[in-house]
Structures are given as structure tokens and as C-alpha cells.
Amino acid sequence: MSVVNISNQTEFSSIINTDKPVLVDFWAAWCGPCKMVAPEIEAVAQAYDGKAVIAKVNIDEQGELAGQYNVMSIPTVLVFKNGQEVTRLVGYRPRKEFSDALDKVL
């Protein structure tokens, strides 16, 4: 499974309210650290194929959604379980931190 690009609030709500853990990367095209995190997120998507949903939200296109989740700096990665935020990682993080966050809710 590849990374899901979320394009609206309805899509976001339906994705985070699935029975699988969901990792969401809030990012922007102009953000240097976001570009560094992107391949880490892709690797996590490959490793957790079928076990978790990996998604991205472009804050320039979905500013309201970023505001709703108090995303103040990017990249911000949120992990959801049953629609509830359980982990928040801000700034560049290595792949292992994303994997560890998902493993805690699997």
C-alpha cells in the first residue's frame, strides 16, 4: 500500500476512524525537514502494509485541518487509534520512531 494523500475533512475523518492504526504526516512542499521525512514515511508505509494506514496532509491545501489538530510546526506526525490521537512527533524523526509509535498501538 502506498501513502494516502488526504484532500478533505471527510476523507480524513473516514481514514482515522478505521480499525487499523493511522499515521498522518502534516507537511508542506516548501518545508526542508518535510522533504527529509518523506522517504522515512514511505518506508514505514511499505513496512506496515496491511497493518496500518499511512497518510499525508498538505497543510497549504488543508490549513483548516492542520488548525483543527493544532499543528503549529511541520513536519508533525500524528498517530491515531480508533479515531483518537495517541502520539505526536514534531520535526524530523528517523523511521524507527514512527515504527515504534505504530507498534505501541498495534
PDB file of N, CA and C in Angstrom:
ATOM      1  N   MET A   1       0.851  -1.188   0.000  1.00  0.00           N
ATOM      2  CA  MET A   1       0.000   0.000   0.000  1.00  0.00           C
ATOM      3  C   MET A   1       0.886   1.236   0.000  1.00  0.00           C
ATOM      4  N   SER A   2       0.449   2.224  -0.730  1.00  0.00           N
ATOM      5  CA  SER A   2       1.206   3.464  -0.745  1.00  0.00           C
ATOM      6  C   SER A   2       0.610   4.446   0.265  1.00  0.00           C
ATOM      7  N   VAL A   3       1.257   5.575   0.373  1.00  0.00           N
ATOM      8  CA  VAL A   3       0.790   6.615   1.279  1.00  0.00           C
ATOM      9  C   VAL A   3      -0.463   7.259   0.690  1.00  0.00           C
ATOM     10  N   VAL A   4      -1.476   7.469   1.529  1.00  0.00           N
ATOM     11  CA  VAL A   4      -2.730   8.081   1.107  1.00  0.00           C
ATOM     12  C   VAL A   4      -2.614   9.599   1.264  1.00  0.00           C
ATOM     13  N   ASN A   5      -2.894  10.342   0.192  1.00  0.00           N
ATOM     14  CA  ASN A   5      -2.907  11.802   0.276  1.00  0.00           C
ATOM     15  C   ASN A   5      -4.323  12.261   0.587  1.00  0.00           C
ATOM     16  N   ILE A   6      -4.487  12.852   1.754  1.00  0.00           N
ATOM     17  CA  ILE A   6      -5.812  13.284   2.206  1.00  0.00           C
ATOM     18  C   ILE A   6      -6.121  14.652   1.619  1.00  0.00           C
ATOM     19  N   SER A   7      -7.300  14.760   0.994  1.00  0.00           N
ATOM     20  CA  SER A   7      -7.636  16.007   0.304  1.00  0.00           C
ATOM     21  C   SER A   7      -8.799  16.771   0.926  1.00  0.00           C
ATOM     22  N   ASN A   8      -9.442  16.216   1.961  1.00  0.00           N
ATOM     23  CA  ASN A   8     -10.529  16.962   2.607  1.00  0.00           C
ATOM     24  C   ASN A   8     -10.847  16.382   3.983  1.00  0.00           C
ATOM     25  N   GLN A   9     -11.653  17.114   4.737  1.00  0.00           N
ATOM     26  CA  GLN A   9     -12.005  16.746   6.107  1.00  0.00           C
ATOM     27  C   GLN A   9     -12.751  15.417   6.173  1.00  0.00           C
ATOM     28  N   THR A  10     -13.664  15.187   5.245  1.00  0.00           N
ATOM     29  CA  THR A  10     -14.447  13.954   5.233  1.00  0.00           C
ATOM     30  C   THR A  10     -13.543  12.744   5.048  1.00  0.00           C
ATOM     31  N   GLU A  11     -12.627  12.860   4.111  1.00  0.00           N
ATOM     32  CA  GLU A  11     -11.678  11.778   3.847  1.00  0.00           C
ATOM     33  C   GLU A  11     -10.810  11.527   5.088  1.00  0.00           C
ATOM     34  N   PHE A  12     -10.357  12.602   5.730  1.00  0.00           N
ATOM     35  CA  PHE A  12      -9.540  12.491   6.939  1.00  0.00           C
ATOM     36  C   PHE A  12     -10.297  11.744   8.029  1.00  0.00           C
ATOM     37  N   SER A  13     -11.541  12.148   8.271  1.00  0.00           N
ATOM     38  CA  SER A  13     -12.355  11.517   9.309  1.00  0.00           C
ATOM     39  C   SER A  13     -12.568  10.034   9.043  1.00  0.00           C
ATOM     40  N   SER A  14     -12.852   9.683   7.792  1.00  0.00           N
ATOM     41  CA  SER A  14     -13.093   8.270   7.485  1.00  0.00           C
ATOM     42  C   SER A  14     -11.810   7.452   7.635  1.00  0.00           C
ATOM     43  N   ILE A  15     -10.661   8.035   7.333  1.00  0.00           N
ATOM     44  CA  ILE A  15      -9.394   7.313   7.452  1.00  0.00           C
ATOM     45  C   ILE A  15      -9.003   7.103   8.904  1.00  0.00           C
ATOM     46  N   ILE A  16      -9.100   8.138   9.739  1.00  0.00           N
ATOM     47  CA  ILE A  16      -8.647   7.976  11.126  1.00  0.00           C
ATOM     48  C   ILE A  16      -9.605   7.120  11.956  1.00  0.00           C
ATOM     49  N   ASN A  17     -10.829   6.934  11.477  1.00  0.00           N
ATOM     50  CA  ASN A  17     -11.801   6.141  12.216  1.00  0.00           C
ATOM     51  C   ASN A  17     -11.901   4.706  11.703  1.00  0.00           C
ATOM     52  N   THR A  18     -10.798   4.180  11.170  1.00  0.00           N
ATOM     53  CA  THR A  18     -10.773   2.786  10.747  1.00  0.00           C
ATOM     54  C   THR A  18     -10.323   1.920  11.922  1.00  0.00           C
ATOM     55  N   ASP A  19     -10.362   0.615  11.728  1.00  0.00           N
ATOM     56  CA  ASP A  19      -9.970  -0.292  12.806  1.00  0.00           C
ATOM     57  C   ASP A  19      -8.454  -0.477  12.896  1.00  0.00           C
ATOM     58  N   LYS A  20      -7.716   0.082  11.943  1.00  0.00           N
ATOM     59  CA  LYS A  20      -6.255  -0.009  11.960  1.00  0.00           C
ATOM     60  C   LYS A  20      -5.658   1.285  12.516  1.00  0.00           C
ATOM     61  N   PRO A  21      -4.458   1.208  13.092  1.00  0.00           N
ATOM     62  CA  PRO A  21      -3.776   2.444  13.488  1.00  0.00           C
ATOM     63  C   PRO A  21      -3.504   3.290  12.242  1.00  0.00           C
ATOM     64  N   VAL A  22      -3.487   4.602  12.416  1.00  0.00           N
ATOM     65  CA  VAL A  22      -3.274   5.519  11.300  1.00  0.00           C
ATOM     66  C   VAL A  22      -2.171   6.498  11.666  1.00  0.00           C
ATOM     67  N   LEU A  23      -1.167   6.610  10.793  1.00  0.00           N
ATOM     68  CA  LEU A  23      -0.096   7.589  10.955  1.00  0.00           C
ATOM     69  C   LEU A  23      -0.323   8.669   9.916  1.00  0.00           C
ATOM     70  N   VAL A  24      -0.405   9.927  10.353  1.00  0.00           N
ATOM     71  CA  VAL A  24      -0.662  11.044   9.446  1.00  0.00           C
ATOM     72  C   VAL A  24       0.492  12.045   9.518  1.00  0.00           C
ATOM     73  N   ASP A  25       1.080  12.316   8.368  1.00  0.00           N
ATOM     74  CA  ASP A  25       2.179  13.277   8.242  1.00  0.00           C
ATOM     75  C   ASP A  25       1.611  14.604   7.740  1.00  0.00           C
ATOM     76  N   PHE A  26       1.669  15.643   8.585  1.00  0.00           N
ATOM     77  CA  PHE A  26       1.290  17.002   8.166  1.00  0.00           C
ATOM     78  C   PHE A  26       2.556  17.655   7.622  1.00  0.00           C
ATOM     79  N   TRP A  27       2.512  18.124   6.360  1.00  0.00           N
ATOM     80  CA  TRP A  27       3.711  18.602   5.676  1.00  0.00           C
ATOM     81  C   TRP A  27       3.380  19.744   4.720  1.00  0.00           C
ATOM     82  N   ALA A  28       4.426  20.312   4.097  1.00  0.00           N
ATOM     83  CA  ALA A  28       4.263  21.306   3.029  1.00  0.00           C
ATOM     84  C   ALA A  28       5.423  21.142   2.051  1.00  0.00           C
ATOM     85  N   ALA A  29       5.178  21.476   0.795  1.00  0.00           N
ATOM     86  CA  ALA A  29       6.179  21.304  -0.262  1.00  0.00           C
ATOM     87  C   ALA A  29       7.427  22.159  -0.039  1.00  0.00           C
ATOM     88  N   TRP A  30       7.279  23.309   0.597  1.00  0.00           N
ATOM     89  CA  TRP A  30       8.403  24.231   0.807  1.00  0.00           C
ATOM     90  C   TRP A  30       9.232  23.902   2.050  1.00  0.00           C
ATOM     91  N   CYS A  31       8.849  22.880   2.803  1.00  0.00           N
ATOM     92  CA  CYS A  31       9.462  22.558   4.093  1.00  0.00           C
ATOM     93  C   CYS A  31      10.621  21.570   3.925  1.00  0.00           C
ATOM     94  N   GLY A  32      11.838  22.011   4.232  1.00  0.00           N
ATOM     95  CA  GLY A  32      13.019  21.159   4.113  1.00  0.00           C
ATOM     96  C   GLY A  32      12.958  19.898   4.957  1.00  0.00           C
ATOM     97  N   PRO A  33      12.677  20.018   6.273  1.00  0.00           N
ATOM     98  CA  PRO A  33      12.580  18.812   7.087  1.00  0.00           C
ATOM     99  C   PRO A  33      11.475  17.854   6.612  1.00  0.00           C
ATOM    100  N   CYS A  34      10.411  18.409   6.028  1.00  0.00           N
ATOM    101  CA  CYS A  34       9.330  17.558   5.492  1.00  0.00           C
ATOM    102  C   CYS A  34       9.864  16.687   4.355  1.00  0.00           C
ATOM    103  N   LYS A  35      10.734  17.280   3.531  1.00  0.00           N
ATOM    104  CA  LYS A  35      11.323  16.524   2.424  1.00  0.00           C
ATOM    105  C   LYS A  35      12.227  15.419   2.951  1.00  0.00           C
ATOM    106  N   MET A  36      12.871  15.657   4.096  1.00  0.00           N
ATOM    107  CA  MET A  36      13.726  14.636   4.708  1.00  0.00           C
ATOM    108  C   MET A  36      12.886  13.504   5.312  1.00  0.00           C
ATOM    109  N   VAL A  37      11.720  13.843   5.844  1.00  0.00           N
ATOM    110  CA  VAL A  37      10.845  12.851   6.469  1.00  0.00           C
ATOM    111  C   VAL A  37      10.122  12.001   5.418  1.00  0.00           C
ATOM    112  N   ALA A  38       9.869  12.550   4.241  1.00  0.00           N
ATOM    113  CA  ALA A  38       9.077  11.856   3.219  1.00  0.00           C
ATOM    114  C   ALA A  38       9.557  10.433   2.922  1.00  0.00           C
ATOM    115  N   PRO A  39      10.856  10.189   2.681  1.00  0.00           N
ATOM    116  CA  PRO A  39      11.267   8.805   2.415  1.00  0.00           C
ATOM    117  C   PRO A  39      11.123   7.894   3.641  1.00  0.00           C
ATOM    118  N   GLU A  40      11.222   8.466   4.834  1.00  0.00           N
ATOM    119  CA  GLU A  40      11.019   7.685   6.059  1.00  0.00           C
ATOM    120  C   GLU A  40       9.560   7.222   6.129  1.00  0.00           C
ATOM    121  N   ILE A  41       8.647   8.134   5.813  1.00  0.00           N
ATOM    122  CA  ILE A  41       7.209   7.825   5.820  1.00  0.00           C
ATOM    123  C   ILE A  41       6.898   6.751   4.766  1.00  0.00           C
ATOM    124  N   GLU A  42       7.502   6.886   3.579  1.00  0.00           N
ATOM    125  CA  GLU A  42       7.300   5.895   2.515  1.00  0.00           C
ATOM    126  C   GLU A  42       7.769   4.510   2.975  1.00  0.00           C
ATOM    127  N   ALA A  43       8.915   4.460   3.648  1.00  0.00           N
ATOM    128  CA  ALA A  43       9.451   3.182   4.133  1.00  0.00           C
ATOM    129  C   ALA A  43       8.529   2.567   5.183  1.00  0.00           C
ATOM    130  N   VAL A  44       7.972   3.398   6.046  1.00  0.00           N
ATOM    131  CA  VAL A  44       7.036   2.917   7.062  1.00  0.00           C
ATOM    132  C   VAL A  44       5.772   2.372   6.376  1.00  0.00           C
ATOM    133  N   ALA A  45       5.317   3.054   5.340  1.00  0.00           N
ATOM    134  CA  ALA A  45       4.128   2.591   4.603  1.00  0.00           C
ATOM    135  C   ALA A  45       4.374   1.198   4.030  1.00  0.00           C
ATOM    136  N   GLN A  46       5.569   0.958   3.498  1.00  0.00           N
ATOM    137  CA  GLN A  46       5.899  -0.367   2.956  1.00  0.00           C
ATOM    138  C   GLN A  46       5.959  -1.413   4.076  1.00  0.00           C
ATOM    139  N   ALA A  47       6.603  -1.056   5.181  1.00  0.00           N
ATOM    140  CA  ALA A  47       6.791  -1.996   6.283  1.00  0.00           C
ATOM    141  C   ALA A  47       5.480  -2.367   6.979  1.00  0.00           C
ATOM    142  N   TYR A  48       4.533  -1.436   7.007  1.00  0.00           N
ATOM    143  CA  TYR A  48       3.273  -1.665   7.727  1.00  0.00           C
ATOM    144  C   TYR A  48       2.095  -1.907   6.788  1.00  0.00           C
ATOM    145  N   ASP A  49       2.380  -2.273   5.561  1.00  0.00           N
ATOM    146  CA  ASP A  49       1.338  -2.563   4.576  1.00  0.00           C
ATOM    147  C   ASP A  49       0.388  -3.618   5.136  1.00  0.00           C
ATOM    148  N   GLY A  50      -0.896  -3.290   5.197  1.00  0.00           N
ATOM    149  CA  GLY A  50      -1.904  -4.216   5.702  1.00  0.00           C
ATOM    150  C   GLY A  50      -2.105  -4.151   7.206  1.00  0.00           C
ATOM    151  N   LYS A  51      -1.166  -3.532   7.933  1.00  0.00           N
ATOM    152  CA  LYS A  51      -1.262  -3.451   9.395  1.00  0.00           C
ATOM    153  C   LYS A  51      -1.674  -2.066   9.879  1.00  0.00           C
ATOM    154  N   ALA A  52      -1.330  -1.035   9.095  1.00  0.00           N
ATOM    155  CA  ALA A  52      -1.643   0.349   9.471  1.00  0.00           C
ATOM    156  C   ALA A  52      -1.880   1.167   8.208  1.00  0.00           C
ATOM    157  N   VAL A  53      -2.535   2.310   8.376  1.00  0.00           N
ATOM    158  CA  VAL A  53      -2.764   3.232   7.268  1.00  0.00           C
ATOM    159  C   VAL A  53      -1.799   4.403   7.438  1.00  0.00           C
ATOM    160  N   ILE A  54      -1.093   4.738   6.368  1.00  0.00           N
ATOM    161  CA  ILE A  54      -0.147   5.846   6.391  1.00  0.00           C
ATOM    162  C   ILE A  54      -0.686   6.919   5.453  1.00  0.00           C
ATOM    163  N   ALA A  55      -0.821   8.142   5.971  1.00  0.00           N
ATOM    164  CA  ALA A  55      -1.432   9.212   5.183  1.00  0.00           C
ATOM    165  C   ALA A  55      -0.634  10.504   5.324  1.00  0.00           C
ATOM    166  N   LYS A  56      -0.870  11.420   4.370  1.00  0.00           N
ATOM    167  CA  LYS A  56      -0.213  12.723   4.382  1.00  0.00           C
ATOM    168  C   LYS A  56      -1.270  13.808   4.208  1.00  0.00           C
ATOM    169  N   VAL A  57      -1.042  14.943   4.884  1.00  0.00           N
ATOM    170  CA  VAL A  57      -1.911  16.106   4.741  1.00  0.00           C
ATOM    171  C   VAL A  57      -1.021  17.293   4.401  1.00  0.00           C
ATOM    172  N   ASN A  58      -1.251  17.886   3.232  1.00  0.00           N
ATOM    173  CA  ASN A  58      -0.525  19.086   2.823  1.00  0.00           C
ATOM    174  C   ASN A  58      -1.189  20.276   3.516  1.00  0.00           C
ATOM    175  N   ILE A  59      -0.462  20.924   4.433  1.00  0.00           N
ATOM    176  CA  ILE A  59      -1.082  21.995   5.222  1.00  0.00           C
ATOM    177  C   ILE A  59      -1.423  23.224   4.390  1.00  0.00           C
ATOM    178  N   ASP A  60      -0.754  23.407   3.250  1.00  0.00           N
ATOM    179  CA  ASP A  60      -1.094  24.540   2.385  1.00  0.00           C
ATOM    180  C   ASP A  60      -2.448  24.332   1.726  1.00  0.00           C
ATOM    181  N   GLU A  61      -2.820  23.081   1.509  1.00  0.00           N
ATOM    182  CA  GLU A  61      -4.111  22.764   0.898  1.00  0.00           C
ATOM    183  C   GLU A  61      -5.184  22.503   1.947  1.00  0.00           C
ATOM    184  N   GLN A  62      -4.773  22.060   3.139  1.00  0.00           N
ATOM    185  CA  GLN A  62      -5.716  21.694   4.203  1.00  0.00           C
ATOM    186  C   GLN A  62      -5.376  22.438   5.494  1.00  0.00           C
ATOM    187  N   GLY A  63      -5.278  23.760   5.407  1.00  0.00           N
ATOM    188  CA  GLY A  63      -4.923  24.575   6.567  1.00  0.00           C
ATOM    189  C   GLY A  63      -5.907  24.450   7.713  1.00  0.00           C
ATOM    190  N   GLU A  64      -7.178  24.320   7.393  1.00  0.00           N
ATOM    191  CA  GLU A  64      -8.200  24.197   8.432  1.00  0.00           C
ATOM    192  C   GLU A  64      -8.018  22.899   9.219  1.00  0.00           C
ATOM    193  N   LEU A  65      -7.698  21.840   8.515  1.00  0.00           N
ATOM    194  CA  LEU A  65      -7.464  20.547   9.155  1.00  0.00           C
ATOM    195  C   LEU A  65      -6.231  20.618  10.060  1.00  0.00           C
ATOM    196  N   ALA A  66      -5.184  21.263   9.582  1.00  0.00           N
ATOM    197  CA  ALA A  66      -3.968  21.431  10.394  1.00  0.00           C
ATOM    198  C   ALA A  66      -4.296  22.230  11.654  1.00  0.00           C
ATOM    199  N   GLY A  67      -5.107  23.265  11.514  1.00  0.00           N
ATOM    200  CA  GLY A  67      -5.503  24.076  12.667  1.00  0.00           C
ATOM    201  C   GLY A  67      -6.340  23.294  13.657  1.00  0.00           C
ATOM    202  N   GLN A  68      -7.214  22.461  13.146  1.00  0.00           N
ATOM    203  CA  GLN A  68      -8.088  21.646  13.998  1.00  0.00           C
ATOM    204  C   GLN A  68      -7.267  20.723  14.900  1.00  0.00           C
ATOM    205  N   TYR A  69      -6.128  20.261  14.396  1.00  0.00           N
ATOM    206  CA  TYR A  69      -5.269  19.363  15.172  1.00  0.00           C
ATOM    207  C   TYR A  69      -4.065  20.091  15.781  1.00  0.00           C
ATOM    208  N   ASN A  70      -4.148  21.417  15.846  1.00  0.00           N
ATOM    209  CA  ASN A  70      -3.111  22.239  16.485  1.00  0.00           C
ATOM    210  C   ASN A  70      -1.714  21.949  15.952  1.00  0.00           C
ATOM    211  N   VAL A  71      -1.601  21.814  14.639  1.00  0.00           N
ATOM    212  CA  VAL A  71      -0.300  21.621  14.016  1.00  0.00           C
ATOM    213  C   VAL A  71       0.337  22.996  13.886  1.00  0.00           C
ATOM    214  N   MET A  72       1.331  23.262  14.722  1.00  0.00           N
ATOM    215  CA  MET A  72       1.971  24.573  14.783  1.00  0.00           C
ATOM    216  C   MET A  72       3.284  24.632  14.003  1.00  0.00           C
ATOM    217  N   SER A  73       3.926  23.487  13.834  1.00  0.00           N
ATOM    218  CA  SER A  73       5.146  23.437  13.040  1.00  0.00           C
ATOM    219  C   SER A  73       5.144  22.117  12.270  1.00  0.00           C
ATOM    220  N   ILE A  74       5.923  22.105  11.206  1.00  0.00           N
ATOM    221  CA  ILE A  74       5.939  20.907  10.366  1.00  0.00           C
ATOM    222  C   ILE A  74       7.369  20.448  10.148  1.00  0.00           C
ATOM    223  N   PRO A  75       7.581  19.187   9.904  1.00  0.00           N
ATOM    224  CA  PRO A  75       6.553  18.155   9.874  1.00  0.00           C
ATOM    225  C   PRO A  75       6.037  17.810  11.274  1.00  0.00           C
ATOM    226  N   THR A  76       4.747  17.526  11.325  1.00  0.00           N
ATOM    227  CA  THR A  76       4.134  16.964  12.531  1.00  0.00           C
ATOM    228  C   THR A  76       3.491  15.648  12.110  1.00  0.00           C
ATOM    229  N   VAL A  77       3.816  14.592  12.826  1.00  0.00           N
ATOM    230  CA  VAL A  77       3.263  13.272  12.532  1.00  0.00           C
ATOM    231  C   VAL A  77       2.392  12.859  13.716  1.00  0.00           C
ATOM    232  N   LEU A  78       1.136  12.553  13.426  1.00  0.00           N
ATOM    233  CA  LEU A  78       0.193  12.113  14.451  1.00  0.00           C
ATOM    234  C   LEU A  78      -0.143  10.642  14.217  1.00  0.00           C
ATOM    235  N   VAL A  79      -0.270   9.910  15.306  1.00  0.00           N
ATOM    236  CA  VAL A  79      -0.721   8.523  15.220  1.00  0.00           C
ATOM    237  C   VAL A  79      -2.076   8.445  15.905  1.00  0.00           C
ATOM    238  N   PHE A  80      -3.047   7.853  15.194  1.00  0.00           N
ATOM    239  CA  PHE A  80      -4.416   7.711  15.694  1.00  0.00           C
ATOM    240  C   PHE A  80      -4.741   6.237  15.907  1.00  0.00           C
ATOM    241  N   LYS A  81      -5.520   5.976  16.945  1.00  0.00           N
ATOM    242  CA  LYS A  81      -6.073   4.638  17.198  1.00  0.00           C
ATOM    243  C   LYS A  81      -7.551   4.848  17.504  1.00  0.00           C
ATOM    244  N   ASN A  82      -8.420   4.207  16.738  1.00  0.00           N
ATOM    245  CA  ASN A  82      -9.875   4.352  16.901  1.00  0.00           C
ATOM    246  C   ASN A  82     -10.309   5.820  16.868  1.00  0.00           C
ATOM    247  N   GLY A  83      -9.695   6.591  15.980  1.00  0.00           N
ATOM    248  CA  GLY A  83     -10.086   7.989  15.796  1.00  0.00           C
ATOM    249  C   GLY A  83      -9.490   8.964  16.797  1.00  0.00           C
ATOM    250  N   GLN A  84      -8.724   8.465  17.770  1.00  0.00           N
ATOM    251  CA  GLN A  84      -8.147   9.328  18.805  1.00  0.00           C
ATOM    252  C   GLN A  84      -6.644   9.459  18.609  1.00  0.00           C
ATOM    253  N   GLU A  85      -6.138  10.696  18.751  1.00  0.00           N
ATOM    254  CA  GLU A  85      -4.696  10.909  18.670  1.00  0.00           C
ATOM    255  C   GLU A  85      -4.031  10.251  19.876  1.00  0.00           C
ATOM    256  N   VAL A  86      -3.009   9.420  19.614  1.00  0.00           N
ATOM    257  CA  VAL A  86      -2.294   8.746  20.705  1.00  0.00           C
ATOM    258  C   VAL A  86      -0.820   9.140  20.768  1.00  0.00           C
ATOM    259  N   THR A  87      -0.277   9.635  19.663  1.00  0.00           N
ATOM    260  CA  THR A  87       1.129  10.038  19.621  1.00  0.00           C
ATOM    261  C   THR A  87       1.287  11.247  18.708  1.00  0.00           C
ATOM    262  N   ARG A  88       2.207  12.158  19.101  1.00  0.00           N
ATOM    263  CA  ARG A  88       2.525  13.335  18.293  1.00  0.00           C
ATOM    264  C   ARG A  88       4.042  13.463  18.234  1.00  0.00           C
ATOM    265  N   LEU A  89       4.576  13.455  17.016  1.00  0.00           N
ATOM    266  CA  LEU A  89       6.014  13.620  16.797  1.00  0.00           C
ATOM    267  C   LEU A  89       6.216  14.855  15.937  1.00  0.00           C
ATOM    268  N   VAL A  90       7.001  15.814  16.436  1.00  0.00           N
ATOM    269  CA  VAL A  90       7.204  17.076  15.724  1.00  0.00           C
ATOM    270  C   VAL A  90       8.653  17.186  15.274  1.00  0.00           C
ATOM    271  N   GLY A  91       8.850  17.632  14.030  1.00  0.00           N
ATOM    272  CA  GLY A  91      10.193  17.781  13.485  1.00  0.00           C
ATOM    273  C   GLY A  91      10.669  16.496  12.829  1.00  0.00           C
ATOM    274  N   TYR A  92      11.868  16.565  12.268  1.00  0.00           N
ATOM    275  CA  TYR A  92      12.423  15.383  11.620  1.00  0.00           C
ATOM    276  C   TYR A  92      12.643  14.281  12.646  1.00  0.00           C
ATOM    277  N   ARG A  93      12.205  13.094  12.324  1.00  0.00           N
ATOM    278  CA  ARG A  93      12.430  11.918  13.171  1.00  0.00           C
ATOM    279  C   ARG A  93      12.843  10.766  12.268  1.00  0.00           C
ATOM    280  N   PRO A  94      13.673   9.872  12.777  1.00  0.00           N
ATOM    281  CA  PRO A  94      14.038   8.699  11.977  1.00  0.00           C
ATOM    282  C   PRO A  94      12.877   7.705  11.906  1.00  0.00           C
ATOM    283  N   ARG A  95      12.937   6.870  10.919  1.00  0.00           N
ATOM    284  CA  ARG A  95      11.919   5.847  10.661  1.00  0.00           C
ATOM    285  C   ARG A  95      11.570   5.043  11.906  1.00  0.00           C
ATOM    286  N   LYS A  96      12.568   4.684  12.721  1.00  0.00           N
ATOM    287  CA  LYS A  96      12.342   3.859  13.896  1.00  0.00           C
ATOM    288  C   LYS A  96      11.343   4.497  14.858  1.00  0.00           C
ATOM    289  N   GLU A  97      11.366   5.810  14.996  1.00  0.00           N
ATOM    290  CA  GLU A  97      10.423   6.469  15.908  1.00  0.00           C
ATOM    291  C   GLU A  97       8.985   6.327  15.411  1.00  0.00           C
ATOM    292  N   PHE A  98       8.792   6.402  14.092  1.00  0.00           N
ATOM    293  CA  PHE A  98       7.450   6.206  13.534  1.00  0.00           C
ATOM    294  C   PHE A  98       7.016   4.756  13.739  1.00  0.00           C
ATOM    295  N   SER A  99       7.939   3.822  13.492  1.00  0.00           N
ATOM    296  CA  SER A  99       7.639   2.401  13.684  1.00  0.00           C
ATOM    297  C   SER A  99       7.307   2.109  15.142  1.00  0.00           C
ATOM    298  N   ASP A 100       8.101   2.657  16.051  1.00  0.00           N
ATOM    299  CA  ASP A 100       7.856   2.441  17.482  1.00  0.00           C
ATOM    300  C   ASP A 100       6.477   2.960  17.888  1.00  0.00           C
ATOM    301  N   ALA A 101       6.097   4.140  17.357  1.00  0.00           N
ATOM    302  CA  ALA A 101       4.791   4.731  17.687  1.00  0.00           C
ATOM    303  C   ALA A 101       3.657   3.828  17.186  1.00  0.00           C
ATOM    304  N   LEU A 102       3.820   3.263  15.993  1.00  0.00           N
ATOM    305  CA  LEU A 102       2.788   2.362  15.474  1.00  0.00           C
ATOM    306  C   LEU A 102       2.758   1.050  16.252  1.00  0.00           C
ATOM    307  N   ASP A 103       3.939   0.531  16.582  1.00  0.00           N
ATOM    308  CA  ASP A 103       3.993  -0.740  17.317  1.00  0.00           C
ATOM    309  C   ASP A 103       3.263  -0.660  18.652  1.00  0.00           C
ATOM    310  N   LYS A 104       3.284   0.516  19.281  1.00  0.00           N
ATOM    311  CA  LYS A 104       2.616   0.686  20.581  1.00  0.00           C
ATOM    312  C   LYS A 104       1.094   0.512  20.481  1.00  0.00           C
ATOM    313  N   VAL A 105       0.529   0.778  19.309  1.00  0.00           N
ATOM    314  CA  VAL A 105      -0.931   0.706  19.164  1.00  0.00           C
ATOM    315  C   VAL A 105      -1.395  -0.476  18.325  1.00  0.00           C
ATOM    316  N   LEU A 106      -0.461  -1.276  17.869  1.00  0.00           N
ATOM    317  CA  LEU A 106      -0.843  -2.457  17.073  1.00  0.00           C
ATOM    318  C   LEU A 106      -1.272  -3.614  17.979  1.00  0.00           C
TER     319      LEU A 106
END
